[in-house]
Amino acid sequence: MPLVDITPAPSAEEAAAITAAVQVLLQASRAGADADARPAAYRSQWRRAAIHEGAGVPADTRRSR
């Protein structure tokens, strides 16, 4: 018996896409509440530094998240 029953039956390509999406969700849920859900680009220290620099925040007062 499959874990998920999808009707009407998806094509092979659709089934692969559904499987990939479910795997991503399961991995994220296994990571726990401590995991940062933001995309990698939004977690970048370089991005954060550029935003602080653009906002005029002095380097010695910057804190990481």
N, C-alpha and C. Protein backbone atom coordinates (compact mmCIF):
# COMPACT_ATOMS: atom_id res chain seq x y z
N MET A 1 0.85 -1.18 0.00
CA MET A 1 0.00 0.00 0.00
C MET A 1 0.89 1.24 0.00
N PRO A 2 0.67 2.18 -0.92
CA PRO A 2 1.49 3.39 -0.99
C PRO A 2 1.20 4.33 0.19
N LEU A 3 2.19 5.14 0.50
CA LEU A 3 2.03 6.12 1.58
C LEU A 3 0.96 7.14 1.24
N VAL A 4 0.91 7.53 -0.04
CA VAL A 4 -0.04 8.53 -0.50
C VAL A 4 -0.75 7.97 -1.72
N ASP A 5 -2.05 8.09 -1.74
CA ASP A 5 -2.83 7.63 -2.88
C ASP A 5 -3.33 8.86 -3.62
N ILE A 6 -2.89 9.00 -4.87
CA ILE A 6 -3.25 10.17 -5.66
C ILE A 6 -4.14 9.71 -6.81
N THR A 7 -5.32 10.31 -6.91
CA THR A 7 -6.22 9.97 -8.02
C THR A 7 -6.67 11.25 -8.69
N PRO A 8 -6.79 11.28 -9.98
CA PRO A 8 -6.40 10.22 -10.90
C PRO A 8 -4.89 10.03 -10.89
N ALA A 9 -4.45 8.87 -11.31
CA ALA A 9 -3.02 8.53 -11.27
C ALA A 9 -2.21 9.54 -12.09
N PRO A 10 -1.15 10.09 -11.48
CA PRO A 10 -0.33 11.07 -12.21
C PRO A 10 0.56 10.37 -13.22
N SER A 11 1.02 11.16 -14.20
CA SER A 11 1.98 10.62 -15.16
C SER A 11 3.29 10.37 -14.41
N ALA A 12 4.21 9.68 -15.04
CA ALA A 12 5.51 9.40 -14.40
C ALA A 12 6.21 10.70 -14.02
N GLU A 13 6.14 11.70 -14.88
CA GLU A 13 6.79 12.99 -14.61
C GLU A 13 6.11 13.70 -13.43
N GLU A 14 4.80 13.68 -13.41
CA GLU A 14 4.06 14.30 -12.30
C GLU A 14 4.34 13.57 -10.98
N ALA A 15 4.39 12.24 -11.03
CA ALA A 15 4.67 11.46 -9.83
C ALA A 15 6.05 11.78 -9.29
N ALA A 16 7.03 11.95 -10.17
CA ALA A 16 8.39 12.30 -9.74
C ALA A 16 8.41 13.67 -9.08
N ALA A 17 7.66 14.63 -9.64
CA ALA A 17 7.61 15.98 -9.08
C ALA A 17 6.94 15.96 -7.71
N ILE A 18 5.87 15.19 -7.58
CA ILE A 18 5.17 15.09 -6.30
C ILE A 18 6.08 14.46 -5.25
N THR A 19 6.76 13.40 -5.63
CA THR A 19 7.68 12.72 -4.72
C THR A 19 8.78 13.66 -4.27
N ALA A 20 9.36 14.41 -5.19
CA ALA A 20 10.43 15.35 -4.84
C ALA A 20 9.92 16.42 -3.87
N ALA A 21 8.73 16.93 -4.12
CA ALA A 21 8.17 17.96 -3.24
C ALA A 21 7.90 17.42 -1.84
N VAL A 22 7.38 16.21 -1.76
CA VAL A 22 7.11 15.60 -0.45
C VAL A 22 8.42 15.36 0.30
N GLN A 23 9.45 14.91 -0.40
CA GLN A 23 10.75 14.69 0.24
C GLN A 23 11.32 15.98 0.81
N VAL A 24 11.19 17.08 0.07
CA VAL A 24 11.67 18.36 0.57
C VAL A 24 10.92 18.75 1.84
N LEU A 25 9.61 18.58 1.84
CA LEU A 25 8.82 18.92 3.02
C LEU A 25 9.18 18.04 4.21
N LEU A 26 9.38 16.75 3.97
CA LEU A 26 9.73 15.85 5.06
C LEU A 26 11.11 16.19 5.64
N GLN A 27 12.06 16.51 4.77
CA GLN A 27 13.40 16.89 5.25
C GLN A 27 13.33 18.16 6.08
N ALA A 28 12.52 19.10 5.64
CA ALA A 28 12.38 20.36 6.39
C ALA A 28 11.75 20.11 7.75
N SER A 29 10.77 19.23 7.81
CA SER A 29 10.13 18.96 9.10
C SER A 29 11.06 18.18 10.02
N ARG A 30 11.94 17.34 9.46
CA ARG A 30 12.89 16.61 10.28
C ARG A 30 13.97 17.52 10.83
N ALA A 31 14.22 18.62 10.14
CA ALA A 31 15.26 19.56 10.57
C ALA A 31 14.89 20.20 11.90
N GLY A 32 13.60 20.26 12.19
CA GLY A 32 13.14 20.79 13.47
C GLY A 32 12.89 22.27 13.44
N ALA A 33 12.48 22.77 14.58
CA ALA A 33 12.12 24.18 14.71
C ALA A 33 13.34 25.09 14.67
N ASP A 34 14.51 24.54 14.96
CA ASP A 34 15.71 25.37 14.96
C ASP A 34 16.20 25.70 13.55
N ALA A 35 15.71 24.99 12.57
CA ALA A 35 16.15 25.23 11.20
C ALA A 35 15.60 26.56 10.70
N ASP A 36 16.41 27.26 9.95
CA ASP A 36 16.00 28.54 9.37
C ASP A 36 15.31 28.24 8.05
N ALA A 37 14.05 28.58 7.95
CA ALA A 37 13.25 28.24 6.77
C ALA A 37 13.50 29.17 5.59
N ARG A 38 14.27 30.24 5.81
CA ARG A 38 14.52 31.17 4.71
C ARG A 38 15.41 30.52 3.65
N PRO A 39 15.25 30.93 2.38
CA PRO A 39 16.15 30.43 1.34
C PRO A 39 17.60 30.81 1.67
N ALA A 40 18.54 30.05 1.15
CA ALA A 40 19.96 30.26 1.45
C ALA A 40 20.40 31.70 1.18
N ALA A 41 19.93 32.29 0.11
CA ALA A 41 20.34 33.65 -0.22
C ALA A 41 19.94 34.64 0.88
N TYR A 42 18.83 34.38 1.55
CA TYR A 42 18.38 35.28 2.60
C TYR A 42 19.07 35.03 3.94
N ARG A 43 19.79 33.92 4.05
CA ARG A 43 20.57 33.63 5.26
C ARG A 43 22.01 34.08 5.11
N SER A 44 22.38 34.57 3.95
CA SER A 44 23.75 34.92 3.64
C SER A 44 24.28 36.05 4.53
N GLN A 45 25.46 35.84 5.09
CA GLN A 45 26.11 36.88 5.89
C GLN A 45 26.50 38.06 5.01
N TRP A 46 26.83 37.76 3.75
CA TRP A 46 27.20 38.84 2.82
C TRP A 46 26.00 39.74 2.57
N ARG A 47 24.83 39.17 2.40
CA ARG A 47 23.62 39.96 2.17
C ARG A 47 23.32 40.82 3.39
N ARG A 48 23.40 40.21 4.56
CA ARG A 48 23.14 40.95 5.80
C ARG A 48 24.11 42.12 5.95
N ALA A 49 25.40 41.88 5.66
CA ALA A 49 26.40 42.94 5.77
C ALA A 49 26.10 44.07 4.79
N ALA A 50 25.68 43.72 3.57
CA ALA A 50 25.36 44.74 2.58
C ALA A 50 24.15 45.57 3.00
N ILE A 51 23.16 44.93 3.58
CA ILE A 51 21.97 45.66 4.05
C ILE A 51 22.37 46.61 5.18
N HIS A 52 23.17 46.13 6.11
CA HIS A 52 23.61 46.99 7.21
C HIS A 52 24.45 48.15 6.70
N GLU A 53 25.34 47.85 5.75
CA GLU A 53 26.17 48.91 5.19
C GLU A 53 25.31 49.95 4.49
N GLY A 54 24.33 49.48 3.73
CA GLY A 54 23.43 50.39 3.01
C GLY A 54 22.59 51.23 3.95
N ALA A 55 22.29 50.67 5.13
CA ALA A 55 21.48 51.40 6.11
C ALA A 55 22.33 52.27 7.02
N GLY A 56 23.66 52.21 6.84
CA GLY A 56 24.54 53.05 7.64
C GLY A 56 24.79 52.52 9.04
N VAL A 57 24.60 51.22 9.25
CA VAL A 57 24.85 50.64 10.57
C VAL A 57 26.35 50.43 10.73
N PRO A 58 26.98 51.03 11.74
CA PRO A 58 28.42 50.87 11.92
C PRO A 58 28.80 49.40 12.10
N ALA A 59 29.93 49.01 11.54
CA ALA A 59 30.35 47.60 11.55
C ALA A 59 30.51 47.06 12.97
N ASP A 60 30.94 47.90 13.91
CA ASP A 60 31.17 47.39 15.28
C ASP A 60 29.87 47.16 16.06
N THR A 61 28.73 47.60 15.52
CA THR A 61 27.47 47.38 16.24
C THR A 61 26.62 46.30 15.56
N ARG A 62 27.11 45.70 14.48
CA ARG A 62 26.36 44.67 13.77
C ARG A 62 26.41 43.36 14.54
N ARG A 63 25.27 42.70 14.59
CA ARG A 63 25.19 41.37 15.21
C ARG A 63 24.63 40.41 14.19
N SER A 64 25.08 39.17 14.25
CA SER A 64 24.51 38.16 13.37
C SER A 64 23.21 37.66 13.96
N ARG A 65 22.41 37.07 13.16
CA ARG A 65 21.10 36.57 13.59
C ARG A 65 21.23 35.42 14.51
